[in-house]
Amino acid sequence: MAGYIHEFFGYRFNDHSGTALEAAKDQLCPFINELCTKPLGRDGERSGACTIRQATSETPVICCPQRLYADDYRILQIIAEKTFNKKLPLYPGRRALAHAREEGGAVAVFGHKWGKELKLPKRDGVGNYFADWVLAHIDENGKLTEFTSVEVQTIDTTGNYRDSRSALLTPSRSTVKSTVGLNWENVSKRIIPQLIYKGQILQRESLCRSGLWFVSPTPIYERLLTRLGGPGNLDFGYAPQPGALHFLRYDFAADEHTLPGSPLPLEVTGYDCTTVERVQGAFNRIRLPEPDVYGSSLTSALYSER
């Protein structure tokens, strides 16, 4: 595998503006207005890699969840509006209670730096599950009336991008290939069981009336869809309901005129809704390869001419 860093500390690899250079120098993430949260090692250096492009593809894939929180966590506002059918201000955790009474309602946000992550019960007594985000509708009387949960997934990487990173830290901000790859299989193996498990938990919650949201860049959604056998296996088109699974794609907008010193804009690139049962059924109906694939591979390894 080989690839390049496409966005570095929030800005395109070929952005030579003072803003982009300063962000890299100070190791700042412009999307959360703090130091990059991805440590590179034990020396205090930060990764800075927001997006990776494989050498064999023209499509950049977001590899850091913080990248999806651009425009002051705009994605959370989009989900809150779709879930609660009204535009309400968002506030961290308990702070929403007072604001709701003053402003006729509000959304309490739990997750990351907004409020503590909410831990879910252990499965079979082992392991911990956390909700990335919980958005709770608080009415004008300060009463919790409804909530939803949001899972955010970007791509994991293999290899490393140290050569690419070092080149981007030079004054010339040059582009150098490194051994970085995209770990598609790990995403599929981990996220699908978690979506099913968390979706089933939420289906038993009386105040979770619209189900679970899953936010990812478009390429990750497409890979998961392939893993589940395609859209026909999921019967998209369900209305929000307990046990629903909302697939929201949030990715780069079709904008070729972004000025230097500005991050590439993001937008909702697609939306589909199905149910936990449809995803679980599709996951269990894996299309297997032809019989004797192990034997064929062994035979080839043992007897084929090199």
Protein backbone atom coordinates (compact mmCIF):
# COMPACT_ATOMS: atom_id res chain seq x y z
CA MET A 1 0.00 0.00 0.00
CA ALA A 2 1.12 3.55 -0.66
CA GLY A 3 -0.52 6.93 -0.32
CA TYR A 4 -0.34 10.60 0.48
CA ILE A 5 -1.65 13.02 3.10
CA HIS A 6 -4.35 15.05 1.35
CA GLU A 7 -5.23 17.40 4.22
CA PHE A 8 -2.68 18.39 6.85
CA PHE A 9 -3.64 20.18 10.07
CA GLY A 10 -6.91 21.16 8.39
CA TYR A 11 -5.66 22.45 5.03
CA ARG A 12 -4.96 20.96 1.62
CA PHE A 13 -1.53 19.50 1.02
CA ASN A 14 -0.85 22.17 -1.64
CA ASP A 15 -2.04 25.13 0.44
CA HIS A 16 1.00 27.37 0.98
CA SER A 17 -0.93 30.16 2.70
CA GLY A 18 0.33 31.65 5.96
CA THR A 19 -2.73 30.22 7.73
CA ALA A 20 -1.98 26.66 6.62
CA LEU A 21 1.73 26.93 7.40
CA GLU A 22 1.02 28.40 10.85
CA ALA A 23 -1.46 25.63 11.69
CA ALA A 24 1.14 23.00 10.82
CA LYS A 25 3.83 24.82 12.79
CA ASP A 26 1.65 25.08 15.90
CA GLN A 27 0.07 21.62 15.36
CA LEU A 28 -3.42 23.11 15.59
CA CYS A 29 -6.69 21.59 14.42
CA PRO A 30 -8.89 24.37 12.96
CA PHE A 31 -12.04 22.29 13.36
CA ILE A 32 -11.93 22.14 17.16
CA ASN A 33 -9.63 25.16 17.62
CA GLU A 34 -7.19 23.17 19.73
CA LEU A 35 -4.08 21.04 19.34
CA CYS A 36 -4.52 18.10 16.98
CA THR A 37 -5.87 15.22 19.07
CA LYS A 38 -3.94 12.46 17.26
CA PRO A 39 -0.57 11.82 18.95
CA LEU A 40 2.20 10.64 16.67
CA GLY A 41 4.28 9.08 19.41
CA ARG A 42 5.48 9.70 22.94
CA ASP A 43 7.45 12.83 22.04
CA GLY A 44 4.40 15.13 22.02
CA GLU A 45 4.29 15.46 18.24
CA ARG A 46 0.83 15.49 16.66
CA SER A 47 -0.15 13.61 13.52
CA GLY A 48 -1.91 16.38 11.62
CA ALA A 49 -3.27 13.95 9.00
CA CYS A 50 -6.95 14.70 8.40
CA THR A 51 -7.41 12.95 5.06
CA ILE A 52 -5.52 10.26 3.15
CA ARG A 53 -5.44 9.59 -0.57
CA GLN A 54 -4.21 6.26 -1.89
CA ALA A 55 -1.69 6.35 -4.73
CA THR A 56 -4.09 4.30 -6.88
CA SER A 57 -7.11 6.56 -6.32
CA GLU A 58 -8.10 10.18 -6.82
CA THR A 59 -10.60 10.04 -3.94
CA PRO A 60 -9.40 11.41 -0.59
CA VAL A 61 -10.83 9.63 2.48
CA ILE A 62 -11.19 11.35 5.86
CA CYS A 63 -9.20 9.52 8.55
CA CYS A 64 -9.82 11.77 11.58
CA PRO A 65 -13.26 12.19 13.20
CA GLN A 66 -12.44 15.79 14.18
CA ARG A 67 -12.50 16.63 10.47
CA LEU A 68 -16.24 15.96 10.41
CA TYR A 69 -16.82 18.56 13.14
CA ALA A 70 -16.07 21.52 10.87
CA ASP A 71 -18.18 24.68 11.00
CA ASP A 72 -18.63 24.52 14.77
CA TYR A 73 -19.97 20.94 14.81
CA ARG A 74 -22.48 21.67 12.08
CA ILE A 75 -23.22 17.96 11.62
CA LEU A 76 -24.75 17.77 15.13
CA GLN A 77 -27.08 20.66 14.32
CA ILE A 78 -28.17 18.91 11.12
CA ILE A 79 -28.98 15.68 12.98
CA ALA A 80 -30.79 17.52 15.79
CA GLU A 81 -33.02 19.34 13.31
CA LYS A 82 -33.83 16.13 11.42
CA THR A 83 -34.55 14.21 14.63
CA PHE A 84 -36.57 16.76 16.61
CA ASN A 85 -38.17 18.50 13.60
CA LYS A 86 -37.21 21.96 14.80
CA LYS A 87 -34.17 24.17 14.99
CA LEU A 88 -32.95 24.42 18.57
CA PRO A 89 -29.71 25.72 20.09
CA LEU A 90 -27.17 23.13 21.23
CA TYR A 91 -25.53 23.29 24.68
CA PRO A 92 -23.13 20.99 26.53
CA GLY A 93 -24.82 18.55 28.90
CA ARG A 94 -26.57 20.02 31.96
CA ARG A 95 -26.05 23.57 30.74
CA ALA A 96 -28.94 22.98 28.35
CA LEU A 97 -31.47 22.86 31.22
CA ALA A 98 -31.33 26.56 32.10
CA HIS A 99 -31.12 27.63 28.46
CA ALA A 100 -34.14 25.51 27.55
CA ARG A 101 -36.30 27.32 30.10
CA GLU A 102 -35.09 30.70 28.87
CA GLU A 103 -35.23 29.99 25.14
CA GLY A 104 -38.26 27.74 24.79
CA GLY A 105 -36.29 24.53 24.38
CA ALA A 106 -32.75 23.37 23.69
CA VAL A 107 -30.66 20.33 22.81
CA ALA A 108 -28.33 18.88 25.45
CA VAL A 109 -25.20 17.43 23.85
CA PHE A 110 -23.18 14.67 25.49
CA GLY A 111 -19.90 13.59 23.92
CA HIS A 112 -16.28 14.61 23.54
CA LYS A 113 -15.71 18.15 24.76
CA TRP A 114 -19.41 19.06 24.96
CA GLY A 115 -20.18 16.78 27.86
CA LYS A 116 -19.00 13.45 29.12
CA GLU A 117 -19.38 10.41 26.89
CA LEU A 118 -22.22 8.18 28.05
CA LYS A 119 -21.20 4.59 28.79
CA LEU A 120 -23.53 1.81 27.71
CA PRO A 121 -24.01 -1.42 29.70
CA LYS A 122 -21.35 -4.08 29.21
CA ARG A 123 -22.20 -6.86 26.79
CA ASP A 124 -22.07 -10.24 28.53
CA GLY A 125 -20.31 -8.53 31.41
CA VAL A 126 -17.16 -7.64 29.46
CA GLY A 127 -15.96 -4.65 27.46
CA ASN A 128 -17.26 -1.11 27.42
CA TYR A 129 -19.35 0.62 24.79
CA PHE A 130 -19.56 4.39 24.57
CA ALA A 131 -21.91 6.50 22.52
CA ASP A 132 -19.96 9.00 20.44
CA TRP A 133 -22.74 11.54 20.85
CA VAL A 134 -26.15 11.73 22.52
CA LEU A 135 -28.47 14.59 21.58
CA ALA A 136 -31.33 15.17 24.00
CA HIS A 137 -34.35 17.43 23.42
CA ILE A 138 -35.15 19.50 26.53
CA ASP A 139 -38.50 21.34 26.40
CA GLU A 140 -39.34 24.81 27.72
CA ASN A 141 -40.02 23.35 31.17
CA GLY A 142 -36.60 21.75 31.39
CA LYS A 143 -38.00 18.25 30.80
CA LEU A 144 -36.21 15.58 28.78
CA THR A 145 -38.68 14.63 26.04
CA GLU A 146 -36.68 12.70 23.46
CA PHE A 147 -33.13 11.77 22.53
CA THR A 148 -31.05 10.15 19.82
CA SER A 149 -27.53 8.74 19.59
CA VAL A 150 -24.89 9.37 16.92
CA GLU A 151 -21.97 7.18 15.87
CA VAL A 152 -19.17 8.75 13.81
CA GLN A 153 -16.73 6.66 11.79
CA THR A 154 -13.75 7.63 9.66
CA ILE A 155 -11.17 5.32 8.09
CA ASP A 156 -8.39 3.60 10.03
CA THR A 157 -4.95 3.56 8.46
CA THR A 158 -2.23 0.96 8.01
CA GLY A 159 1.49 1.47 7.48
CA ASN A 160 2.61 4.99 8.28
CA TYR A 161 2.68 8.47 6.76
CA ARG A 162 5.85 9.77 8.38
CA ASP A 163 7.58 10.50 5.04
CA SER A 164 4.54 12.41 3.77
CA ARG A 165 4.23 14.29 7.05
CA SER A 166 7.90 15.28 7.17
CA ALA A 167 7.73 16.66 3.62
CA LEU A 168 4.67 18.75 4.44
CA LEU A 169 6.45 20.31 7.41
CA THR A 170 9.17 21.78 5.20
CA PRO A 171 8.85 25.36 3.84
CA SER A 172 8.26 23.97 0.35
CA ARG A 173 5.39 21.80 1.65
CA SER A 174 6.29 19.12 -0.88
CA THR A 175 4.29 15.98 -1.68
CA VAL A 176 5.97 12.67 -0.87
CA LYS A 177 4.51 9.18 -1.05
CA SER A 178 4.56 7.02 2.10
CA THR A 179 3.46 3.51 3.10
CA VAL A 180 0.08 4.61 4.46
CA GLY A 181 -2.91 2.48 3.52
CA LEU A 182 -6.61 2.40 4.36
CA ASN A 183 -7.87 -0.37 6.65
CA TRP A 184 -11.27 -1.08 5.10
CA GLU A 185 -11.70 -4.52 6.62
CA ASN A 186 -11.16 -3.37 10.19
CA VAL A 187 -13.86 -0.71 9.80
CA SER A 188 -16.37 -3.25 8.51
CA LYS A 189 -15.61 -5.86 11.16
CA ARG A 190 -15.85 -3.42 14.05
CA ILE A 191 -18.58 -0.98 13.16
CA ILE A 192 -21.35 -3.28 11.90
CA PRO A 193 -21.63 -5.35 15.12
CA GLN A 194 -21.51 -2.15 17.17
CA LEU A 195 -24.31 -0.57 15.14
CA ILE A 196 -26.46 -3.65 15.60
CA TYR A 197 -25.77 -3.85 19.35
CA LYS A 198 -26.30 -0.16 20.04
CA GLY A 199 -29.32 -0.02 17.76
CA GLN A 200 -30.97 -2.86 19.65
CA ILE A 201 -30.31 -1.15 22.98
CA LEU A 202 -31.88 2.08 21.72
CA GLN A 203 -34.88 0.18 20.36
CA ARG A 204 -35.78 -0.58 23.98
CA GLU A 205 -35.56 3.07 25.04
CA SER A 206 -38.97 4.73 25.29
CA LEU A 207 -37.56 8.21 24.64
CA CYS A 208 -35.50 7.22 21.61
CA ARG A 209 -38.24 7.44 19.01
CA SER A 210 -36.17 7.86 15.86
CA GLY A 211 -33.32 5.36 16.25
CA LEU A 212 -29.56 5.59 15.82
CA TRP A 213 -27.54 7.83 13.46
CA PHE A 214 -24.38 6.70 11.71
CA VAL A 215 -22.22 9.42 10.16
CA SER A 216 -19.33 8.61 7.84
CA PRO A 217 -17.55 9.84 4.74
CA THR A 218 -19.12 8.52 1.53
CA PRO A 219 -16.37 5.96 0.71
CA ILE A 220 -16.84 4.26 4.10
CA TYR A 221 -20.60 4.09 3.63
CA GLU A 222 -20.13 2.57 0.18
CA ARG A 223 -17.76 -0.08 1.54
CA LEU A 224 -20.17 -0.98 4.36
CA LEU A 225 -23.00 -1.20 1.86
CA THR A 226 -20.98 -3.63 -0.25
CA ARG A 227 -20.19 -5.66 2.88
CA LEU A 228 -23.93 -5.90 3.62
CA GLY A 229 -24.80 -7.03 0.11
CA GLY A 230 -26.04 -3.78 -1.40
CA PRO A 231 -29.06 -1.50 -0.87
CA GLY A 232 -31.54 -4.23 -1.79
CA ASN A 233 -30.56 -6.17 1.34
CA LEU A 234 -31.40 -3.19 3.55
CA ASP A 235 -34.69 -2.00 2.05
CA PHE A 236 -33.94 1.68 2.47
CA GLY A 237 -36.87 4.05 2.78
CA TYR A 238 -38.00 3.45 6.35
CA ALA A 239 -39.39 6.38 8.32
CA PRO A 240 -37.72 7.38 11.62
CA GLN A 241 -38.85 4.94 14.32
CA PRO A 242 -37.51 3.02 17.31
CA GLY A 243 -34.92 0.65 15.92
CA ALA A 244 -34.17 2.76 12.85
CA LEU A 245 -30.62 3.14 11.54
CA HIS A 246 -29.93 6.42 9.73
CA PHE A 247 -26.93 6.40 7.38
CA LEU A 248 -25.78 9.98 6.86
CA ARG A 249 -22.91 10.65 4.48
CA TYR A 250 -20.95 13.79 5.24
CA ASP A 251 -18.11 14.52 2.87
CA PHE A 252 -16.37 17.09 0.71
CA ALA A 253 -18.64 19.49 -1.14
CA ALA A 254 -18.28 19.84 -4.89
CA ASP A 255 -16.25 23.04 -4.65
CA GLU A 256 -13.18 23.61 -6.78
CA HIS A 257 -12.76 27.26 -5.82
CA THR A 258 -11.78 27.09 -2.15
CA LEU A 259 -9.33 29.90 -1.47
CA PRO A 260 -5.93 29.22 0.12
CA GLY A 261 -6.13 29.48 3.90
CA SER A 262 -9.63 27.97 3.99
CA PRO A 263 -10.46 24.32 4.74
CA LEU A 264 -12.31 22.39 2.07
CA PRO A 265 -16.06 22.65 2.73
CA LEU A 266 -18.16 19.68 3.81
CA GLU A 267 -21.80 18.89 3.15
CA VAL A 268 -24.37 16.11 3.45
CA THR A 269 -23.76 13.95 0.39
CA GLY A 270 -26.49 11.37 1.00
CA TYR A 271 -28.98 9.92 3.46
CA ASP A 272 -30.73 6.56 3.81
CA CYS A 273 -32.77 4.97 6.58
CA THR A 274 -33.30 1.29 7.37
CA THR A 275 -33.74 -0.73 10.58
CA VAL A 276 -31.52 -2.68 12.95
CA GLU A 277 -33.24 -5.91 11.89
CA ARG A 278 -32.47 -5.30 8.21
CA VAL A 279 -28.81 -4.61 8.94
CA GLN A 280 -28.51 -7.66 11.21
CA GLY A 281 -30.17 -9.87 8.62
CA ALA A 282 -27.90 -8.59 5.85
CA PHE A 283 -24.84 -9.08 8.05
CA ASN A 284 -25.83 -12.70 8.74
CA ARG A 285 -26.49 -13.41 5.05
CA ILE A 286 -22.89 -13.06 3.92
CA ARG A 287 -22.40 -14.18 0.35
CA LEU A 288 -19.76 -16.88 0.59
CA PRO A 289 -17.13 -17.58 -2.06
CA GLU A 290 -17.13 -20.74 -4.18
CA PRO A 291 -16.57 -24.06 -2.35
CA ASP A 292 -13.00 -25.31 -1.78
CA VAL A 293 -11.33 -21.88 -1.86
CA TYR A 294 -8.98 -22.91 0.96
CA GLY A 295 -8.01 -26.09 -0.84
CA SER A 296 -7.43 -24.27 -4.12
CA SER A 297 -5.21 -21.73 -2.41
CA LEU A 298 -3.19 -24.50 -0.71
CA THR A 299 -2.84 -26.44 -3.93
CA SER A 300 -1.60 -23.35 -5.73
CA ALA A 301 0.90 -22.58 -2.97
CA LEU A 302 2.21 -26.13 -2.87
CA TYR A 303 2.34 -27.20 -6.51
CA SER A 304 2.19 -24.25 -8.88
CA GLU A 305 5.40 -23.31 -10.65
CA ARG A 306 7.08 -20.16 -9.41
